[in-house]
């Protein structure tokens, strides 16, 4: 069984769309960027910490009892990297959202999602991590358009202050890479990781942690 370590409705919808059956146990961790931390290292660390937090939670212990098959915990974190190299997490308020969108306007930026898959065990727990990068080109909206978009509330809770699946789509003429990664979960990467961990579980072989 798969356990999603996130309360994100977008990740829930994507997993369901891909046909997975799963439980949800949201993880609560500090998501502050560490000094000098690179974008990929940042999202990989948060994804792993989310999965580990759920593995140590009473809710997971209760879910695990009586399960015949191993439970896999999926943690993920998405961030946006502006053309300047600045890491854009979730905006603090409307002014911060406007600041982020201005940084992205008229250029191509990166969206990076870190994914961690954890199969807890009494010994030799399996942990795999990987990251997906997508390049997104954004047009330059007017200040009036920005204000109207922010007023919808859509930027709240979204890395980079926009959702490609929402009204901001009208400003995005092209992407290079996985679309679902920009929404919040690179499904093909997740599927390959789940398949790999399940094969190793059946073979009784614990893989090494993979950090790109």
C-alpha atoms as a PDB file:
ATOM      1  CA  UNK A   1       0.000   0.000   0.000  1.00  0.00           C
ATOM      2  CA  UNK A   2       1.143   3.531  -0.752  1.00  0.00           C
ATOM      3  CA  UNK A   3       1.022   6.334   1.835  1.00  0.00           C
ATOM      4  CA  UNK A   4       1.193   9.932   0.621  1.00  0.00           C
ATOM      5  CA  UNK A   5       3.056  12.160   3.082  1.00  0.00           C
ATOM      6  CA  UNK A   6       1.280  15.297   1.918  1.00  0.00           C
ATOM      7  CA  UNK A   7      -1.986  17.175   2.277  1.00  0.00           C
ATOM      8  CA  UNK A   8      -1.608  18.666  -1.210  1.00  0.00           C
ATOM      9  CA  UNK A   9      -4.842  18.240  -3.175  1.00  0.00           C
ATOM     10  CA  UNK A  10      -2.851  18.404  -6.407  1.00  0.00           C
ATOM     11  CA  UNK A  11      -0.631  15.454  -5.472  1.00  0.00           C
ATOM     12  CA  UNK A  12      -3.662  13.520  -4.295  1.00  0.00           C
ATOM     13  CA  UNK A  13      -5.439  14.137  -7.599  1.00  0.00           C
ATOM     14  CA  UNK A  14      -2.378  13.180  -9.653  1.00  0.00           C
ATOM     15  CA  UNK A  15      -1.853   9.898  -7.798  1.00  0.00           C
ATOM     16  CA  UNK A  16      -5.535   9.032  -8.207  1.00  0.00           C
ATOM     17  CA  UNK A  17      -5.361   9.970 -11.890  1.00  0.00           C
ATOM     18  CA  UNK A  18      -2.460   7.546 -12.310  1.00  0.00           C
ATOM     19  CA  UNK A  19      -4.555   4.752 -10.791  1.00  0.00           C
ATOM     20  CA  UNK A  20      -2.875   4.379  -7.417  1.00  0.00           C
ATOM     21  CA  UNK A  21      -4.706   3.381  -4.248  1.00  0.00           C
ATOM     22  CA  UNK A  22      -3.247   5.199  -1.271  1.00  0.00           C
ATOM     23  CA  UNK A  23      -3.735   6.580   2.212  1.00  0.00           C
ATOM     24  CA  UNK A  24      -2.897  10.146   3.214  1.00  0.00           C
ATOM     25  CA  UNK A  25      -0.889  11.072   6.314  1.00  0.00           C
ATOM     26  CA  UNK A  26       0.251  14.710   6.059  1.00  0.00           C
ATOM     27  CA  UNK A  27       3.762  15.481   7.263  1.00  0.00           C
ATOM     28  CA  UNK A  28       4.546  18.562   9.330  1.00  0.00           C
ATOM     29  CA  UNK A  29       8.185  19.673   9.045  1.00  0.00           C
ATOM     30  CA  UNK A  30      10.167  22.896   8.908  1.00  0.00           C
ATOM     31  CA  UNK A  31      10.560  23.849   5.246  1.00  0.00           C
ATOM     32  CA  UNK A  32      13.070  26.665   5.695  1.00  0.00           C
ATOM     33  CA  UNK A  33      15.937  26.838   3.230  1.00  0.00           C
ATOM     34  CA  UNK A  34      19.346  26.264   4.814  1.00  0.00           C
ATOM     35  CA  UNK A  35      22.174  28.722   4.126  1.00  0.00           C
ATOM     36  CA  UNK A  36      23.940  27.853   0.882  1.00  0.00           C
ATOM     37  CA  UNK A  37      21.578  24.970   0.101  1.00  0.00           C
ATOM     38  CA  UNK A  38      21.219  24.214  -3.618  1.00  0.00           C
ATOM     39  CA  UNK A  39      17.714  23.803  -5.097  1.00  0.00           C
ATOM     40  CA  UNK A  40      17.915  20.058  -5.785  1.00  0.00           C
ATOM     41  CA  UNK A  41      19.470  19.331  -2.394  1.00  0.00           C
ATOM     42  CA  UNK A  42      16.722  21.425  -0.801  1.00  0.00           C
ATOM     43  CA  UNK A  43      13.763  19.581  -2.329  1.00  0.00           C
ATOM     44  CA  UNK A  44      15.382  16.170  -1.841  1.00  0.00           C
ATOM     45  CA  UNK A  45      15.960  16.903   1.839  1.00  0.00           C
ATOM     46  CA  UNK A  46      12.379  18.052   2.386  1.00  0.00           C
ATOM     47  CA  UNK A  47      10.940  15.083   0.507  1.00  0.00           C
ATOM     48  CA  UNK A  48      12.988  12.690   2.620  1.00  0.00           C
ATOM     49  CA  UNK A  49      12.147  14.488   5.875  1.00  0.00           C
ATOM     50  CA  UNK A  50       8.431  14.358   5.064  1.00  0.00           C
ATOM     51  CA  UNK A  51       8.581  10.603   4.453  1.00  0.00           C
ATOM     52  CA  UNK A  52      10.620  10.039   7.607  1.00  0.00           C
ATOM     53  CA  UNK A  53       8.255  12.170   9.698  1.00  0.00           C
ATOM     54  CA  UNK A  54       5.300  10.070   8.577  1.00  0.00           C
ATOM     55  CA  UNK A  55       7.223   6.826   9.217  1.00  0.00           C
ATOM     56  CA  UNK A  56       7.729   7.933  12.833  1.00  0.00           C
ATOM     57  CA  UNK A  57       4.130   9.048  13.361  1.00  0.00           C
ATOM     58  CA  UNK A  58       1.479   7.245  15.459  1.00  0.00           C
ATOM     59  CA  UNK A  59      -0.902   7.404  12.491  1.00  0.00           C
ATOM     60  CA  UNK A  60       1.507   5.372  10.383  1.00  0.00           C
ATOM     61  CA  UNK A  61       2.109   2.877  13.196  1.00  0.00           C
ATOM     62  CA  UNK A  62      -1.647   2.326  13.457  1.00  0.00           C
ATOM     63  CA  UNK A  63      -1.976   1.916   9.701  1.00  0.00           C
ATOM     64  CA  UNK A  64       0.914  -0.525   9.617  1.00  0.00           C
ATOM     65  CA  UNK A  65      -0.602  -2.897  12.149  1.00  0.00           C
ATOM     66  CA  UNK A  66      -2.166  -5.911  10.505  1.00  0.00           C
ATOM     67  CA  UNK A  67      -0.860  -5.074   7.026  1.00  0.00           C
ATOM     68  CA  UNK A  68       0.242  -8.168   5.131  1.00  0.00           C
ATOM     69  CA  UNK A  69       2.294  -6.213   2.599  1.00  0.00           C
ATOM     70  CA  UNK A  70       4.929  -3.500   3.139  1.00  0.00           C
ATOM     71  CA  UNK A  71       3.776   0.093   3.200  1.00  0.00           C
ATOM     72  CA  UNK A  72       5.560   2.573   0.954  1.00  0.00           C
ATOM     73  CA  UNK A  73       5.695   6.220   2.038  1.00  0.00           C
ATOM     74  CA  UNK A  74       5.867   8.836  -0.693  1.00  0.00           C
ATOM     75  CA  UNK A  75       7.249  12.256   0.195  1.00  0.00           C
ATOM     76  CA  UNK A  76       7.575  15.114  -2.295  1.00  0.00           C
ATOM     77  CA  UNK A  77       8.474  18.772  -2.374  1.00  0.00           C
ATOM     78  CA  UNK A  78       8.368  21.245  -5.255  1.00  0.00           C
ATOM     79  CA  UNK A  79      10.185  24.533  -5.647  1.00  0.00           C
ATOM     80  CA  UNK A  80      10.641  27.096  -8.393  1.00  0.00           C
ATOM     81  CA  UNK A  81      14.022  28.528  -9.358  1.00  0.00           C
ATOM     82  CA  UNK A  82      13.854  31.996 -10.899  1.00  0.00           C
ATOM     83  CA  UNK A  83      16.093  32.926 -13.853  1.00  0.00           C
ATOM     84  CA  UNK A  84      18.239  34.814 -11.329  1.00  0.00           C
ATOM     85  CA  UNK A  85      18.823  31.579  -9.401  1.00  0.00           C
ATOM     86  CA  UNK A  86      16.603  32.598  -6.483  1.00  0.00           C
ATOM     87  CA  UNK A  87      14.642  29.738  -4.909  1.00  0.00           C
ATOM     88  CA  UNK A  88      10.945  30.601  -4.748  1.00  0.00           C
ATOM     89  CA  UNK A  89       8.948  28.601  -2.232  1.00  0.00           C
ATOM     90  CA  UNK A  90       5.356  29.456  -1.266  1.00  0.00           C
ATOM     91  CA  UNK A  91       4.563  33.196  -1.060  1.00  0.00           C
ATOM     92  CA  UNK A  92       4.045  34.680   2.384  1.00  0.00           C
ATOM     93  CA  UNK A  93       1.357  37.106   1.231  1.00  0.00           C
ATOM     94  CA  UNK A  94      -0.021  38.902  -1.839  1.00  0.00           C
ATOM     95  CA  UNK A  95       2.948  41.264  -2.050  1.00  0.00           C
ATOM     96  CA  UNK A  96       5.354  38.341  -1.974  1.00  0.00           C
ATOM     97  CA  UNK A  97       3.336  36.576  -4.688  1.00  0.00           C
ATOM     98  CA  UNK A  98       3.581  39.673  -6.892  1.00  0.00           C
ATOM     99  CA  UNK A  99       7.325  39.831  -6.303  1.00  0.00           C
ATOM    100  CA  UNK A 100       7.762  36.200  -7.352  1.00  0.00           C
ATOM    101  CA  UNK A 101       5.649  36.525 -10.483  1.00  0.00           C
ATOM    102  CA  UNK A 102       7.611  39.582 -11.583  1.00  0.00           C
ATOM    103  CA  UNK A 103      10.828  37.576 -11.210  1.00  0.00           C
ATOM    104  CA  UNK A 104       9.433  34.875 -13.504  1.00  0.00           C
ATOM    105  CA  UNK A 105       7.797  37.132 -16.105  1.00  0.00           C
ATOM    106  CA  UNK A 106       9.243  37.227 -19.606  1.00  0.00           C
ATOM    107  CA  UNK A 107      11.782  34.456 -19.081  1.00  0.00           C
ATOM    108  CA  UNK A 108      12.298  30.728 -18.588  1.00  0.00           C
ATOM    109  CA  UNK A 109      12.566  29.293 -15.092  1.00  0.00           C
ATOM    110  CA  UNK A 110      12.988  25.837 -13.554  1.00  0.00           C
ATOM    111  CA  UNK A 111      10.521  23.812 -11.521  1.00  0.00           C
ATOM    112  CA  UNK A 112      12.141  21.095  -9.412  1.00  0.00           C
ATOM    113  CA  UNK A 113      10.368  18.350  -7.475  1.00  0.00           C
ATOM    114  CA  UNK A 114      12.203  16.101  -5.066  1.00  0.00           C
ATOM    115  CA  UNK A 115      10.669  12.680  -4.490  1.00  0.00           C
ATOM    116  CA  UNK A 116      11.451  10.272  -1.652  1.00  0.00           C
ATOM    117  CA  UNK A 117      10.127   6.728  -1.406  1.00  0.00           C
ATOM    118  CA  UNK A 118      10.548   5.029   1.959  1.00  0.00           C
ATOM    119  CA  UNK A 119       9.775   1.419   2.831  1.00  0.00           C
ATOM    120  CA  UNK A 120      10.176   1.237   6.636  1.00  0.00           C
ATOM    121  CA  UNK A 121      11.446  -2.010   8.131  1.00  0.00           C
ATOM    122  CA  UNK A 122      12.813  -3.263  11.426  1.00  0.00           C
ATOM    123  CA  UNK A 123      16.205  -3.308   9.708  1.00  0.00           C
ATOM    124  CA  UNK A 124      17.539  -2.333   6.286  1.00  0.00           C
ATOM    125  CA  UNK A 125      14.773   0.103   5.470  1.00  0.00           C
ATOM    126  CA  UNK A 126      14.643   1.057   1.801  1.00  0.00           C
ATOM    127  CA  UNK A 127      14.946   4.729   0.924  1.00  0.00           C
ATOM    128  CA  UNK A 128      15.224   6.105  -2.583  1.00  0.00           C
ATOM    129  CA  UNK A 129      15.276   9.756  -3.619  1.00  0.00           C
ATOM    130  CA  UNK A 130      15.331  11.445  -7.009  1.00  0.00           C
ATOM    131  CA  UNK A 131      14.529  14.806  -8.538  1.00  0.00           C
ATOM    132  CA  UNK A 132      12.753  15.961 -11.710  1.00  0.00           C
ATOM    133  CA  UNK A 133      13.451  19.281 -13.458  1.00  0.00           C
ATOM    134  CA  UNK A 134      11.130  21.045 -15.913  1.00  0.00           C
ATOM    135  CA  UNK A 135      11.837  24.309 -17.727  1.00  0.00           C
ATOM    136  CA  UNK A 136       8.867  26.682 -17.953  1.00  0.00           C
ATOM    137  CA  UNK A 137       8.617  29.777 -20.156  1.00  0.00           C
ATOM    138  CA  UNK A 138       6.343  32.540 -18.884  1.00  0.00           C
ATOM    139  CA  UNK A 139       5.067  35.579 -20.768  1.00  0.00           C
ATOM    140  CA  UNK A 140       4.943  39.039 -19.185  1.00  0.00           C
ATOM    141  CA  UNK A 141       1.526  39.825 -17.712  1.00  0.00           C
ATOM    142  CA  UNK A 142       0.547  43.429 -17.102  1.00  0.00           C
ATOM    143  CA  UNK A 143       0.382  44.789 -13.569  1.00  0.00           C
ATOM    144  CA  UNK A 144      -3.413  44.763 -13.853  1.00  0.00           C
ATOM    145  CA  UNK A 145      -3.375  41.113 -14.890  1.00  0.00           C
ATOM    146  CA  UNK A 146      -1.048  40.248 -12.011  1.00  0.00           C
ATOM    147  CA  UNK A 147      -3.293  42.010  -9.507  1.00  0.00           C
ATOM    148  CA  UNK A 148      -6.390  40.245 -10.835  1.00  0.00           C
ATOM    149  CA  UNK A 149      -4.655  36.867 -10.722  1.00  0.00           C
ATOM    150  CA  UNK A 150      -3.409  37.341  -7.170  1.00  0.00           C
ATOM    151  CA  UNK A 151      -6.920  38.426  -6.113  1.00  0.00           C
ATOM    152  CA  UNK A 152      -8.231  34.980  -7.124  1.00  0.00           C
ATOM    153  CA  UNK A 153      -6.190  33.435  -4.305  1.00  0.00           C
ATOM    154  CA  UNK A 154      -4.674  30.884  -6.674  1.00  0.00           C
ATOM    155  CA  UNK A 155      -1.036  31.805  -5.888  1.00  0.00           C
ATOM    156  CA  UNK A 156      -1.480  30.980  -2.196  1.00  0.00           C
ATOM    157  CA  UNK A 157       0.261  27.781  -1.149  1.00  0.00           C
ATOM    158  CA  UNK A 158       2.017  27.309  -4.487  1.00  0.00           C
ATOM    159  CA  UNK A 159       5.751  27.414  -5.084  1.00  0.00           C
ATOM    160  CA  UNK A 160       6.569  30.353  -7.313  1.00  0.00           C
ATOM    161  CA  UNK A 161       3.094  31.808  -6.676  1.00  0.00           C
ATOM    162  CA  UNK A 162       1.367  30.183  -9.648  1.00  0.00           C
ATOM    163  CA  UNK A 163      -0.353  26.987 -10.737  1.00  0.00           C
ATOM    164  CA  UNK A 164       0.181  25.844 -14.316  1.00  0.00           C
ATOM    165  CA  UNK A 165      -3.114  23.949 -14.151  1.00  0.00           C
ATOM    166  CA  UNK A 166      -5.007  27.128 -13.281  1.00  0.00           C
ATOM    167  CA  UNK A 167      -5.441  30.622 -14.680  1.00  0.00           C
ATOM    168  CA  UNK A 168      -1.692  31.170 -15.005  1.00  0.00           C
ATOM    169  CA  UNK A 169      -1.733  28.719 -17.924  1.00  0.00           C
ATOM    170  CA  UNK A 170      -2.554  31.624 -20.259  1.00  0.00           C
ATOM    171  CA  UNK A 171       0.942  33.037 -19.602  1.00  0.00           C
ATOM    172  CA  UNK A 172       2.827  29.798 -20.262  1.00  0.00           C
ATOM    173  CA  UNK A 173       3.367  29.177 -23.994  1.00  0.00           C
ATOM    174  CA  UNK A 174       5.750  26.248 -23.584  1.00  0.00           C
ATOM    175  CA  UNK A 175       7.499  23.909 -21.186  1.00  0.00           C
ATOM    176  CA  UNK A 176      10.390  21.515 -21.623  1.00  0.00           C
ATOM    177  CA  UNK A 177      10.038  18.396 -19.508  1.00  0.00           C
ATOM    178  CA  UNK A 178       7.332  16.783 -17.395  1.00  0.00           C
ATOM    179  CA  UNK A 179       4.094  18.774 -17.124  1.00  0.00           C
ATOM    180  CA  UNK A 180       2.969  16.860 -14.027  1.00  0.00           C
ATOM    181  CA  UNK A 181       6.204  17.873 -12.317  1.00  0.00           C
ATOM    182  CA  UNK A 182       5.105  21.502 -12.573  1.00  0.00           C
ATOM    183  CA  UNK A 183       1.714  20.608 -11.096  1.00  0.00           C
ATOM    184  CA  UNK A 184       3.501  19.007  -8.150  1.00  0.00           C
ATOM    185  CA  UNK A 185       4.339  15.347  -8.767  1.00  0.00           C
ATOM    186  CA  UNK A 186       6.324  13.811 -11.673  1.00  0.00           C
ATOM    187  CA  UNK A 187       4.180  10.730 -12.218  1.00  0.00           C
ATOM    188  CA  UNK A 188       6.517   8.796 -14.523  1.00  0.00           C
ATOM    189  CA  UNK A 189       9.403   9.204 -12.074  1.00  0.00           C
ATOM    190  CA  UNK A 190       7.207   8.185  -9.144  1.00  0.00           C
ATOM    191  CA  UNK A 191       5.944   5.114 -11.023  1.00  0.00           C
ATOM    192  CA  UNK A 192       9.463   3.957 -11.866  1.00  0.00           C
ATOM    193  CA  UNK A 193      10.596   4.445  -8.265  1.00  0.00           C
ATOM    194  CA  UNK A 194       7.642   2.485  -6.895  1.00  0.00           C
ATOM    195  CA  UNK A 195       8.255  -0.318  -9.364  1.00  0.00           C
ATOM    196  CA  UNK A 196      11.944  -0.448  -8.463  1.00  0.00           C
ATOM    197  CA  UNK A 197      11.342  -0.537  -4.711  1.00  0.00           C
ATOM    198  CA  UNK A 198       8.651  -3.203  -5.031  1.00  0.00           C
ATOM    199  CA  UNK A 199      10.964  -5.382  -7.118  1.00  0.00           C
ATOM    200  CA  UNK A 200      13.692  -5.054  -4.502  1.00  0.00           C
ATOM    201  CA  UNK A 201      11.276  -5.826  -1.691  1.00  0.00           C
ATOM    202  CA  UNK A 202      10.183  -9.002  -3.439  1.00  0.00           C
ATOM    203  CA  UNK A 203      13.809  -9.916  -4.079  1.00  0.00           C
ATOM    204  CA  UNK A 204      14.803  -9.084  -0.526  1.00  0.00           C
ATOM    205  CA  UNK A 205      17.483  -6.618  -1.639  1.00  0.00           C
ATOM    206  CA  UNK A 206      17.785  -3.172  -0.085  1.00  0.00           C
ATOM    207  CA  UNK A 207      19.039  -0.571  -2.593  1.00  0.00           C
ATOM    208  CA  UNK A 208      21.392   2.275  -1.920  1.00  0.00           C
ATOM    209  CA  UNK A 209      20.043   5.796  -1.597  1.00  0.00           C
ATOM    210  CA  UNK A 210      20.244   7.519  -4.988  1.00  0.00           C
ATOM    211  CA  UNK A 211      21.033  11.219  -4.979  1.00  0.00           C
ATOM    212  CA  UNK A 212      21.369  12.818  -8.415  1.00  0.00           C
END
